[in-house]
């Protein structure tokens, strides 16, 4: 897939204020500081589309970007260790889950996982919740350039083994790097394939 245009549409605090369900949506989510904004910018080729921050918890709204005037890339707030009040975190979680369960045009969720860390409980729990609610998702391992080829293979194998403790079937997995562009073609090809199915 060639990205010809990427346009910011709206930031929403409520699901009801999201755009009409007129295009397929692909939502990106992960623990705070997983490299989500950098990945979005790398995928679209527009370096300032999503705001990159060194401070966890920067994304606090549901951000819709219209790609090629054909599908929405949706940037969701991160979960995990963002330095915000517990009440604020709970509010985010509530409206994120409402979005994920109510958007009829949500085709797939991209769960971003930092490849430098062992499987994290909050990532695994979130994916289990997606499975329980029949929400399709794939996993994108980020920052894979920080690992060597062999170390990355071992990481992916270990992650798959951990998931197979509770899953009968594994979701599709992608290895990516915002710095090198690794995974870009595979992820965009996947989106194109789903759009056509």
N, C-alpha and C. Protein backbone atom coordinates (compact mmCIF):
# COMPACT_ATOMS: atom_id res chain seq x y z
N UNK A 1 0.84 -1.19 0.00
CA UNK A 1 0.00 0.00 0.00
C UNK A 1 0.88 1.25 0.00
N UNK A 2 0.54 2.19 -0.87
CA UNK A 2 1.24 3.47 -0.90
C UNK A 2 0.38 4.51 -0.18
N UNK A 3 0.97 5.20 0.79
CA UNK A 3 0.23 6.23 1.52
C UNK A 3 0.36 7.54 0.74
N UNK A 4 -0.76 7.99 0.20
CA UNK A 4 -0.76 9.24 -0.58
C UNK A 4 -1.18 10.43 0.29
N UNK A 5 -2.03 10.17 1.27
CA UNK A 5 -2.48 11.27 2.13
C UNK A 5 -2.80 10.76 3.53
N UNK A 6 -2.55 11.59 4.50
CA UNK A 6 -2.86 11.28 5.91
C UNK A 6 -3.33 12.59 6.54
N UNK A 7 -4.58 12.60 6.94
CA UNK A 7 -5.20 13.85 7.39
C UNK A 7 -5.78 13.69 8.80
N UNK A 8 -5.38 14.56 9.71
CA UNK A 8 -5.98 14.55 11.04
C UNK A 8 -7.43 15.00 10.92
N UNK A 9 -8.35 14.24 11.52
CA UNK A 9 -9.78 14.57 11.42
C UNK A 9 -10.32 15.16 12.72
N UNK A 10 -10.15 14.42 13.84
CA UNK A 10 -10.74 14.89 15.10
C UNK A 10 -10.12 14.16 16.29
N UNK A 11 -10.08 14.86 17.43
CA UNK A 11 -9.76 14.25 18.72
C UNK A 11 -11.04 14.20 19.52
N UNK A 12 -11.39 13.02 20.03
CA UNK A 12 -12.66 12.87 20.73
C UNK A 12 -12.46 12.43 22.17
N UNK A 13 -13.30 12.97 23.04
CA UNK A 13 -13.31 12.56 24.45
C UNK A 13 -14.43 11.56 24.70
N UNK A 14 -15.34 11.45 23.73
CA UNK A 14 -16.47 10.54 23.87
C UNK A 14 -16.65 9.77 22.56
N UNK A 15 -17.06 8.53 22.67
CA UNK A 15 -17.25 7.69 21.49
C UNK A 15 -18.29 8.30 20.56
N UNK A 16 -19.31 8.91 21.15
CA UNK A 16 -20.39 9.50 20.34
C UNK A 16 -19.89 10.63 19.45
N UNK A 17 -18.75 11.22 19.79
CA UNK A 17 -18.21 12.34 19.01
C UNK A 17 -17.21 11.90 17.94
N UNK A 18 -16.98 10.58 17.84
CA UNK A 18 -16.09 10.06 16.79
C UNK A 18 -16.76 10.25 15.43
N UNK A 19 -15.97 10.21 14.35
CA UNK A 19 -16.56 10.38 13.01
C UNK A 19 -17.60 9.31 12.70
N UNK A 20 -18.42 9.58 11.68
CA UNK A 20 -19.42 8.60 11.25
C UNK A 20 -18.71 7.31 10.83
N UNK A 21 -19.46 6.20 10.92
CA UNK A 21 -18.89 4.89 10.59
C UNK A 21 -18.81 4.66 9.08
N UNK A 22 -18.18 5.59 8.37
CA UNK A 22 -18.20 5.50 6.91
C UNK A 22 -16.93 4.89 6.31
N UNK A 23 -15.91 4.62 7.14
CA UNK A 23 -14.67 4.01 6.66
C UNK A 23 -14.20 2.94 7.66
N UNK A 24 -13.47 1.94 7.18
CA UNK A 24 -12.87 0.96 8.10
C UNK A 24 -11.91 1.66 9.06
N UNK A 25 -11.86 1.17 10.30
CA UNK A 25 -10.96 1.75 11.30
C UNK A 25 -9.97 0.71 11.81
N UNK A 26 -8.75 1.18 12.03
CA UNK A 26 -7.68 0.35 12.60
C UNK A 26 -7.12 1.11 13.79
N UNK A 27 -7.31 0.56 14.99
CA UNK A 27 -6.92 1.27 16.21
C UNK A 27 -5.56 0.79 16.70
N UNK A 28 -4.74 1.73 17.15
CA UNK A 28 -3.41 1.44 17.68
C UNK A 28 -3.38 1.77 19.16
N UNK A 29 -2.94 0.78 19.95
CA UNK A 29 -2.93 0.95 21.40
C UNK A 29 -1.78 0.15 22.00
N UNK A 30 -1.32 0.56 23.17
CA UNK A 30 -0.26 -0.16 23.86
C UNK A 30 0.06 0.52 25.18
N UNK A 31 0.95 -0.07 25.91
CA UNK A 31 1.37 0.53 27.18
C UNK A 31 1.97 1.90 26.90
N UNK A 32 1.89 2.77 27.88
CA UNK A 32 2.49 4.10 27.75
C UNK A 32 3.96 3.97 27.39
N UNK A 33 4.39 4.81 26.46
CA UNK A 33 5.80 4.88 26.04
C UNK A 33 6.26 3.67 25.22
N UNK A 34 5.31 2.99 24.56
CA UNK A 34 5.66 1.82 23.77
C UNK A 34 6.21 2.21 22.38
N UNK A 35 6.06 3.49 22.04
CA UNK A 35 6.53 3.95 20.74
C UNK A 35 5.41 4.05 19.72
N UNK A 36 4.19 4.28 20.21
CA UNK A 36 3.01 4.29 19.34
C UNK A 36 3.03 5.45 18.34
N UNK A 37 3.26 6.65 18.82
CA UNK A 37 3.27 7.81 17.92
C UNK A 37 4.36 7.70 16.87
N UNK A 38 5.54 7.23 17.29
CA UNK A 38 6.64 7.05 16.33
C UNK A 38 6.28 6.02 15.27
N UNK A 39 5.60 4.94 15.67
CA UNK A 39 5.20 3.91 14.72
C UNK A 39 4.17 4.46 13.74
N UNK A 40 3.20 5.22 14.24
CA UNK A 40 2.17 5.80 13.37
C UNK A 40 2.81 6.73 12.33
N UNK A 41 3.74 7.55 12.78
CA UNK A 41 4.42 8.46 11.86
C UNK A 41 5.23 7.68 10.82
N UNK A 42 5.88 6.60 11.25
CA UNK A 42 6.66 5.78 10.33
C UNK A 42 5.75 5.11 9.29
N UNK A 43 4.62 4.58 9.74
CA UNK A 43 3.70 3.90 8.83
C UNK A 43 3.15 4.84 7.76
N UNK A 44 2.78 6.05 8.18
CA UNK A 44 2.15 6.98 7.25
C UNK A 44 3.17 7.76 6.43
N UNK A 45 4.40 7.86 6.94
CA UNK A 45 5.41 8.65 6.24
C UNK A 45 5.32 10.13 6.53
N UNK A 46 4.46 10.50 7.49
CA UNK A 46 4.32 11.90 7.89
C UNK A 46 4.86 12.05 9.30
N UNK A 47 6.04 12.64 9.43
CA UNK A 47 6.77 12.62 10.69
C UNK A 47 6.13 13.37 11.85
N UNK A 48 5.20 14.26 11.57
CA UNK A 48 4.60 15.02 12.67
C UNK A 48 3.10 14.77 12.78
N UNK A 49 2.63 13.66 12.18
CA UNK A 49 1.20 13.37 12.22
C UNK A 49 0.74 13.12 13.65
N UNK A 50 1.39 12.17 14.33
CA UNK A 50 1.09 11.89 15.73
C UNK A 50 2.17 12.56 16.59
N UNK A 51 1.77 13.20 17.65
CA UNK A 51 2.72 13.93 18.50
C UNK A 51 3.53 12.96 19.33
N UNK A 52 4.86 13.02 19.17
CA UNK A 52 5.77 12.15 19.91
C UNK A 52 6.20 12.85 21.18
N UNK A 53 6.20 12.11 22.29
CA UNK A 53 6.58 12.70 23.57
C UNK A 53 7.44 11.73 24.36
N UNK A 54 8.39 12.28 25.11
CA UNK A 54 9.20 11.44 25.99
C UNK A 54 8.47 11.16 27.29
N UNK A 55 7.35 11.84 27.47
CA UNK A 55 6.59 11.69 28.71
C UNK A 55 5.42 10.72 28.48
N UNK A 56 5.38 9.62 29.24
CA UNK A 56 4.29 8.65 29.08
C UNK A 56 2.94 9.30 29.31
N UNK A 57 1.94 8.80 28.59
CA UNK A 57 0.57 9.28 28.80
C UNK A 57 0.24 10.54 28.04
N UNK A 58 0.98 10.84 26.97
CA UNK A 58 0.74 12.05 26.19
C UNK A 58 -0.60 12.00 25.48
N UNK A 59 -0.92 10.86 24.86
CA UNK A 59 -2.20 10.72 24.15
C UNK A 59 -3.31 10.51 25.17
N UNK A 60 -4.27 11.44 25.19
CA UNK A 60 -5.36 11.34 26.16
C UNK A 60 -6.73 11.33 25.49
N UNK A 61 -6.74 11.32 24.17
CA UNK A 61 -7.98 11.38 23.42
C UNK A 61 -7.98 10.29 22.35
N UNK A 62 -9.15 10.05 21.75
CA UNK A 62 -9.23 9.17 20.60
C UNK A 62 -8.97 10.03 19.37
N UNK A 63 -7.85 9.79 18.71
CA UNK A 63 -7.45 10.62 17.57
C UNK A 63 -7.68 9.86 16.27
N UNK A 64 -8.48 10.45 15.38
CA UNK A 64 -8.77 9.85 14.07
C UNK A 64 -7.96 10.53 12.97
N UNK A 65 -7.28 9.70 12.17
CA UNK A 65 -6.55 10.18 10.99
C UNK A 65 -7.12 9.44 9.77
N UNK A 66 -7.49 10.20 8.74
CA UNK A 66 -8.02 9.59 7.52
C UNK A 66 -6.86 9.33 6.55
N UNK A 67 -6.66 8.07 6.20
CA UNK A 67 -5.55 7.66 5.35
C UNK A 67 -6.07 7.37 3.94
N UNK A 68 -5.45 8.02 2.95
CA UNK A 68 -5.82 7.84 1.53
C UNK A 68 -7.30 8.04 1.27
N UNK A 69 -7.95 8.78 2.16
CA UNK A 69 -9.40 9.02 2.06
C UNK A 69 -10.19 7.71 1.96
N UNK A 70 -9.60 6.63 2.55
CA UNK A 70 -10.20 5.29 2.46
C UNK A 70 -10.40 4.60 3.79
N UNK A 71 -9.53 4.87 4.77
CA UNK A 71 -9.63 4.20 6.07
C UNK A 71 -9.07 5.09 7.18
N UNK A 72 -9.55 4.82 8.39
CA UNK A 72 -9.10 5.60 9.55
C UNK A 72 -8.01 4.85 10.32
N UNK A 73 -6.97 5.56 10.64
CA UNK A 73 -6.00 5.08 11.62
C UNK A 73 -6.37 5.79 12.92
N UNK A 74 -6.60 5.02 13.98
CA UNK A 74 -7.08 5.59 15.24
C UNK A 74 -6.02 5.42 16.32
N UNK A 75 -5.59 6.54 16.86
CA UNK A 75 -4.57 6.57 17.91
C UNK A 75 -5.28 6.64 19.26
N UNK A 76 -5.16 5.57 20.03
CA UNK A 76 -5.84 5.50 21.34
C UNK A 76 -4.87 5.79 22.48
N UNK A 77 -5.37 6.29 23.60
CA UNK A 77 -4.49 6.51 24.77
C UNK A 77 -3.82 5.22 25.21
N UNK A 78 -2.60 5.33 25.69
CA UNK A 78 -1.89 4.16 26.19
C UNK A 78 -2.43 3.72 27.53
N UNK A 79 -2.04 2.53 27.94
CA UNK A 79 -2.43 2.04 29.26
C UNK A 79 -1.16 1.68 30.02
N UNK A 80 -1.28 1.54 31.33
CA UNK A 80 -0.09 1.14 32.10
C UNK A 80 0.36 2.20 33.07
N UNK A 81 1.63 2.61 32.91
CA UNK A 81 2.24 3.40 33.98
C UNK A 81 2.23 4.91 33.75
N UNK A 82 1.30 5.42 32.97
CA UNK A 82 1.24 6.86 32.77
C UNK A 82 1.10 7.58 34.11
N UNK A 83 1.84 8.66 34.26
CA UNK A 83 1.87 9.36 35.54
C UNK A 83 0.67 10.31 35.67
N UNK A 84 -0.49 9.70 35.82
CA UNK A 84 -1.71 10.47 36.01
C UNK A 84 -2.47 9.86 37.17
N UNK A 85 -3.44 10.64 37.68
CA UNK A 85 -4.23 10.17 38.81
C UNK A 85 -5.01 8.91 38.45
N UNK A 86 -5.22 8.06 39.45
CA UNK A 86 -5.93 6.80 39.23
C UNK A 86 -7.32 7.04 38.64
N UNK A 87 -8.00 8.08 39.11
CA UNK A 87 -9.34 8.39 38.61
C UNK A 87 -9.30 8.73 37.12
N UNK A 88 -8.25 9.44 36.71
CA UNK A 88 -8.08 9.81 35.30
C UNK A 88 -7.82 8.56 34.46
N UNK A 89 -6.96 7.67 34.97
CA UNK A 89 -6.65 6.42 34.27
C UNK A 89 -7.91 5.58 34.08
N UNK A 90 -8.72 5.51 35.13
CA UNK A 90 -9.96 4.72 35.06
C UNK A 90 -10.93 5.31 34.04
N UNK A 91 -10.94 6.64 33.95
CA UNK A 91 -11.81 7.31 32.98
C UNK A 91 -11.37 6.97 31.56
N UNK A 92 -10.04 7.02 31.33
CA UNK A 92 -9.50 6.65 30.01
C UNK A 92 -9.91 5.23 29.66
N UNK A 93 -9.68 4.32 30.62
CA UNK A 93 -9.93 2.90 30.37
C UNK A 93 -11.39 2.67 30.00
N UNK A 94 -12.27 3.36 30.68
CA UNK A 94 -13.70 3.20 30.44
C UNK A 94 -14.06 3.64 29.03
N UNK A 95 -13.56 4.79 28.60
CA UNK A 95 -13.97 5.26 27.28
C UNK A 95 -13.23 4.53 26.16
N UNK A 96 -12.03 4.01 26.44
CA UNK A 96 -11.33 3.19 25.45
C UNK A 96 -12.11 1.90 25.21
N UNK A 97 -12.53 1.25 26.29
CA UNK A 97 -13.27 -0.01 26.16
C UNK A 97 -14.64 0.21 25.51
N UNK A 98 -15.22 1.35 25.79
CA UNK A 98 -16.50 1.68 25.15
C UNK A 98 -16.29 1.83 23.64
N UNK A 99 -15.22 2.52 23.27
CA UNK A 99 -14.90 2.67 21.85
C UNK A 99 -14.68 1.30 21.20
N UNK A 100 -13.88 0.46 21.82
CA UNK A 100 -13.52 -0.83 21.24
C UNK A 100 -14.72 -1.76 21.08
N UNK A 101 -15.68 -1.66 21.98
CA UNK A 101 -16.84 -2.57 21.92
C UNK A 101 -17.99 -1.99 21.09
N UNK A 102 -18.00 -0.68 20.85
CA UNK A 102 -19.16 -0.08 20.18
C UNK A 102 -18.93 0.35 18.74
N UNK A 103 -17.67 0.48 18.31
CA UNK A 103 -17.42 0.95 16.94
C UNK A 103 -17.64 -0.19 15.95
N UNK A 104 -18.72 -0.11 15.18
CA UNK A 104 -19.07 -1.18 14.24
C UNK A 104 -18.09 -1.28 13.09
N UNK A 105 -17.40 -0.19 12.77
CA UNK A 105 -16.47 -0.19 11.64
C UNK A 105 -15.02 -0.41 12.08
N UNK A 106 -14.82 -0.86 13.33
CA UNK A 106 -13.48 -1.20 13.80
C UNK A 106 -13.09 -2.56 13.25
N UNK A 107 -12.17 -2.58 12.31
CA UNK A 107 -11.79 -3.82 11.64
C UNK A 107 -10.74 -4.60 12.42
N UNK A 108 -9.83 -3.87 13.08
CA UNK A 108 -8.75 -4.57 13.79
C UNK A 108 -8.06 -3.63 14.78
N UNK A 109 -7.60 -4.21 15.88
CA UNK A 109 -6.82 -3.46 16.87
C UNK A 109 -5.36 -3.91 16.78
N UNK A 110 -4.46 -2.96 16.69
CA UNK A 110 -3.02 -3.25 16.70
C UNK A 110 -2.52 -3.03 18.13
N UNK A 111 -2.18 -4.11 18.80
CA UNK A 111 -1.67 -4.02 20.17
C UNK A 111 -0.15 -3.93 20.10
N UNK A 112 0.40 -2.80 20.52
CA UNK A 112 1.84 -2.58 20.45
C UNK A 112 2.52 -3.10 21.71
N UNK A 113 3.59 -3.85 21.52
CA UNK A 113 4.33 -4.47 22.62
C UNK A 113 5.81 -4.14 22.47
N UNK A 114 6.42 -3.63 23.53
CA UNK A 114 7.84 -3.27 23.52
C UNK A 114 8.69 -4.55 23.53
N UNK A 115 9.47 -4.74 22.48
CA UNK A 115 10.24 -5.99 22.34
C UNK A 115 11.42 -6.08 23.32
N UNK A 116 11.67 -5.02 24.09
CA UNK A 116 12.80 -5.05 25.03
C UNK A 116 12.42 -5.65 26.38
N UNK A 117 11.11 -5.95 26.55
CA UNK A 117 10.65 -6.44 27.86
C UNK A 117 10.00 -7.81 27.74
N UNK A 118 10.09 -8.56 28.81
CA UNK A 118 9.39 -9.83 28.90
C UNK A 118 7.89 -9.58 28.82
N UNK A 119 7.07 -10.60 28.50
CA UNK A 119 5.62 -10.41 28.45
C UNK A 119 5.09 -9.74 29.72
N UNK A 120 4.36 -8.64 29.53
CA UNK A 120 3.85 -7.86 30.65
C UNK A 120 2.40 -8.25 30.94
N UNK A 121 2.08 -8.28 32.22
CA UNK A 121 0.75 -8.72 32.65
C UNK A 121 -0.36 -7.84 32.05
N UNK A 122 -0.14 -6.51 32.01
CA UNK A 122 -1.23 -5.66 31.52
C UNK A 122 -1.44 -5.83 30.01
N UNK A 123 -0.37 -6.13 29.25
CA UNK A 123 -0.55 -6.43 27.82
C UNK A 123 -1.35 -7.71 27.63
N UNK A 124 -0.95 -8.75 28.34
CA UNK A 124 -1.61 -10.06 28.21
C UNK A 124 -3.07 -9.98 28.65
N UNK A 125 -3.32 -9.26 29.74
CA UNK A 125 -4.70 -9.12 30.24
C UNK A 125 -5.57 -8.36 29.24
N UNK A 126 -5.00 -7.32 28.65
CA UNK A 126 -5.75 -6.52 27.67
C UNK A 126 -6.10 -7.38 26.46
N UNK A 127 -5.15 -8.18 25.99
CA UNK A 127 -5.42 -9.04 24.83
C UNK A 127 -6.46 -10.11 25.16
N UNK A 128 -6.42 -10.61 26.38
CA UNK A 128 -7.44 -11.58 26.80
C UNK A 128 -8.83 -10.94 26.77
N UNK A 129 -8.89 -9.67 27.22
CA UNK A 129 -10.16 -8.95 27.20
C UNK A 129 -10.66 -8.77 25.77
N UNK A 130 -9.75 -8.46 24.85
CA UNK A 130 -10.13 -8.33 23.43
C UNK A 130 -10.70 -9.66 22.93
N UNK A 131 -10.02 -10.76 23.26
CA UNK A 131 -10.49 -12.07 22.84
C UNK A 131 -11.86 -12.40 23.41
N UNK A 132 -12.05 -12.12 24.69
CA UNK A 132 -13.33 -12.39 25.35
C UNK A 132 -14.47 -11.60 24.71
N UNK A 133 -14.14 -10.42 24.15
CA UNK A 133 -15.15 -9.57 23.54
C UNK A 133 -15.19 -9.70 22.01
N UNK A 134 -14.50 -10.74 21.50
CA UNK A 134 -14.49 -11.03 20.06
C UNK A 134 -14.06 -9.84 19.22
N UNK A 135 -13.06 -9.11 19.71
CA UNK A 135 -12.52 -7.96 18.98
C UNK A 135 -11.23 -8.42 18.28
N UNK A 136 -11.18 -8.39 16.95
CA UNK A 136 -9.99 -8.86 16.23
C UNK A 136 -8.78 -7.99 16.54
N UNK A 137 -7.63 -8.62 16.73
CA UNK A 137 -6.41 -7.86 17.00
C UNK A 137 -5.19 -8.59 16.47
N UNK A 138 -4.13 -7.83 16.28
CA UNK A 138 -2.82 -8.37 15.94
C UNK A 138 -1.82 -7.72 16.90
N UNK A 139 -0.64 -8.29 16.97
CA UNK A 139 0.41 -7.75 17.85
C UNK A 139 1.51 -7.14 16.99
N UNK A 140 1.96 -5.94 17.39
CA UNK A 140 3.11 -5.31 16.73
C UNK A 140 4.21 -5.14 17.77
N UNK A 141 5.31 -5.84 17.58
CA UNK A 141 6.46 -5.67 18.47
C UNK A 141 7.23 -4.44 18.02
N UNK A 142 7.43 -3.50 18.93
CA UNK A 142 8.10 -2.24 18.60
C UNK A 142 9.56 -2.26 19.06
N UNK A 143 10.33 -1.31 18.51
CA UNK A 143 11.73 -1.10 18.91
C UNK A 143 12.59 -2.34 18.71
N UNK A 144 12.29 -3.09 17.65
CA UNK A 144 13.02 -4.34 17.42
C UNK A 144 14.46 -4.11 16.97
N UNK A 145 14.77 -2.89 16.55
CA UNK A 145 16.15 -2.59 16.16
C UNK A 145 17.09 -2.60 17.37
N UNK A 146 16.52 -2.56 18.57
CA UNK A 146 17.35 -2.60 19.79
C UNK A 146 17.85 -4.02 20.08
N UNK A 147 17.27 -5.01 19.38
CA UNK A 147 17.67 -6.40 19.58
C UNK A 147 18.37 -6.93 18.33
N UNK A 148 19.26 -7.88 18.51
CA UNK A 148 19.86 -8.55 17.36
C UNK A 148 18.84 -9.51 16.76
N UNK A 149 19.17 -10.05 15.58
CA UNK A 149 18.24 -10.94 14.88
C UNK A 149 17.91 -12.18 15.70
N UNK A 150 18.92 -12.79 16.30
CA UNK A 150 18.72 -14.00 17.09
C UNK A 150 17.91 -13.70 18.36
N UNK A 151 18.26 -12.58 19.02
CA UNK A 151 17.56 -12.19 20.24
C UNK A 151 16.09 -11.90 19.94
N UNK A 152 15.81 -11.31 18.77
CA UNK A 152 14.43 -11.01 18.39
C UNK A 152 13.65 -12.29 18.15
N UNK A 153 14.29 -13.26 17.49
CA UNK A 153 13.62 -14.53 17.23
C UNK A 153 13.29 -15.24 18.55
N UNK A 154 14.24 -15.23 19.49
CA UNK A 154 14.01 -15.85 20.79
C UNK A 154 12.88 -15.14 21.53
N UNK A 155 12.87 -13.81 21.44
CA UNK A 155 11.82 -13.03 22.10
C UNK A 155 10.45 -13.41 21.55
N UNK A 156 10.33 -13.46 20.21
CA UNK A 156 9.04 -13.80 19.60
C UNK A 156 8.60 -15.22 19.97
N UNK A 157 9.56 -16.15 19.96
CA UNK A 157 9.24 -17.53 20.33
C UNK A 157 8.75 -17.61 21.77
N UNK A 158 9.44 -16.90 22.67
CA UNK A 158 9.06 -16.90 24.09
C UNK A 158 7.68 -16.27 24.28
N UNK A 159 7.43 -15.20 23.52
CA UNK A 159 6.14 -14.51 23.65
C UNK A 159 5.01 -15.43 23.17
N UNK A 160 5.26 -16.11 22.07
CA UNK A 160 4.26 -17.04 21.54
C UNK A 160 3.98 -18.16 22.55
N UNK A 161 5.04 -18.70 23.16
CA UNK A 161 4.87 -19.76 24.16
C UNK A 161 4.06 -19.28 25.35
N UNK A 162 4.32 -18.06 25.78
CA UNK A 162 3.57 -17.49 26.90
C UNK A 162 2.09 -17.36 26.56
N UNK A 163 1.80 -16.88 25.36
CA UNK A 163 0.41 -16.71 24.95
C UNK A 163 -0.30 -18.06 24.80
N UNK A 164 0.43 -19.06 24.34
CA UNK A 164 -0.19 -20.38 24.14
C UNK A 164 -0.60 -21.05 25.46
N UNK A 165 -0.19 -20.46 26.58
CA UNK A 165 -0.66 -20.96 27.88
C UNK A 165 -2.16 -20.71 28.04
N UNK A 166 -2.67 -19.67 27.36
CA UNK A 166 -4.09 -19.34 27.49
C UNK A 166 -4.83 -19.27 26.17
N UNK A 167 -4.11 -19.24 25.04
CA UNK A 167 -4.73 -19.11 23.73
C UNK A 167 -4.58 -20.41 22.94
N UNK A 168 -5.64 -20.80 22.23
CA UNK A 168 -5.58 -21.96 21.35
C UNK A 168 -4.91 -21.59 20.03
N UNK A 169 -5.14 -20.35 19.62
CA UNK A 169 -4.62 -19.88 18.34
C UNK A 169 -4.00 -18.51 18.54
N UNK A 170 -2.85 -18.29 17.95
CA UNK A 170 -2.15 -17.01 18.13
C UNK A 170 -2.59 -15.99 17.10
N UNK A 171 -2.62 -14.71 17.49
CA UNK A 171 -2.92 -13.67 16.51
C UNK A 171 -1.71 -13.46 15.59
N UNK A 172 -1.92 -12.77 14.50
CA UNK A 172 -0.81 -12.43 13.62
C UNK A 172 0.13 -11.49 14.37
N UNK A 173 1.44 -11.64 14.14
CA UNK A 173 2.44 -10.82 14.83
C UNK A 173 3.36 -10.14 13.83
N UNK A 174 3.70 -8.88 14.10
CA UNK A 174 4.59 -8.11 13.24
C UNK A 174 5.76 -7.58 14.06
N UNK A 175 6.94 -7.59 13.49
CA UNK A 175 8.11 -6.97 14.12
C UNK A 175 8.35 -5.63 13.45
N UNK A 176 8.49 -4.56 14.24
CA UNK A 176 8.63 -3.24 13.65
C UNK A 176 9.70 -2.40 14.33
N UNK A 177 10.13 -1.38 13.60
CA UNK A 177 11.05 -0.39 14.16
C UNK A 177 10.76 0.96 13.51
N UNK A 178 10.43 1.94 14.33
CA UNK A 178 10.18 3.28 13.80
C UNK A 178 11.46 3.90 13.25
N UNK A 179 12.60 3.48 13.79
CA UNK A 179 13.89 4.04 13.35
C UNK A 179 14.33 3.51 11.99
N UNK A 180 14.13 2.22 11.76
CA UNK A 180 14.61 1.62 10.51
C UNK A 180 13.51 1.43 9.46
N UNK A 181 12.25 1.55 9.90
CA UNK A 181 11.13 1.33 8.98
C UNK A 181 10.74 -0.13 8.85
N UNK A 182 11.38 -0.99 9.62
CA UNK A 182 11.05 -2.42 9.58
C UNK A 182 9.58 -2.64 9.92
N UNK A 183 8.95 -3.53 9.18
CA UNK A 183 7.55 -3.89 9.45
C UNK A 183 6.54 -3.02 8.74
N UNK A 184 6.97 -1.91 8.17
CA UNK A 184 6.03 -0.96 7.55
C UNK A 184 5.23 -1.62 6.43
N UNK A 185 5.92 -2.23 5.47
CA UNK A 185 5.23 -2.83 4.33
C UNK A 185 4.30 -3.95 4.76
N UNK A 186 4.76 -4.77 5.71
CA UNK A 186 3.95 -5.90 6.17
C UNK A 186 2.65 -5.43 6.83
N UNK A 187 2.75 -4.39 7.67
CA UNK A 187 1.56 -3.88 8.37
C UNK A 187 0.59 -3.24 7.39
N UNK A 188 1.11 -2.41 6.46
CA UNK A 188 0.25 -1.75 5.49
C UNK A 188 -0.38 -2.76 4.53
N UNK A 189 0.36 -3.80 4.17
CA UNK A 189 -0.19 -4.85 3.30
C UNK A 189 -1.31 -5.60 4.02
N UNK A 190 -1.12 -5.82 5.33
CA UNK A 190 -2.16 -6.47 6.12
C UNK A 190 -3.44 -5.64 6.11
N UNK A 191 -3.30 -4.33 6.32
CA UNK A 191 -4.48 -3.44 6.33
C UNK A 191 -5.18 -3.46 4.97
N UNK A 192 -4.38 -3.41 3.91
CA UNK A 192 -4.95 -3.45 2.56
C UNK A 192 -5.70 -4.76 2.32
N UNK A 193 -5.12 -5.84 2.80
CA UNK A 193 -5.74 -7.16 2.63
C UNK A 193 -7.08 -7.23 3.37
N UNK A 194 -7.10 -6.70 4.60
CA UNK A 194 -8.34 -6.72 5.40
C UNK A 194 -9.39 -5.81 4.76
N UNK A 195 -8.96 -4.66 4.26
CA UNK A 195 -9.90 -3.74 3.61
C UNK A 195 -10.61 -4.39 2.44
N UNK A 196 -9.89 -5.26 1.72
CA UNK A 196 -10.44 -5.88 0.52
C UNK A 196 -11.26 -7.14 0.81
N UNK A 197 -11.11 -7.66 2.04
CA UNK A 197 -11.80 -8.92 2.35
C UNK A 197 -13.27 -8.70 2.70
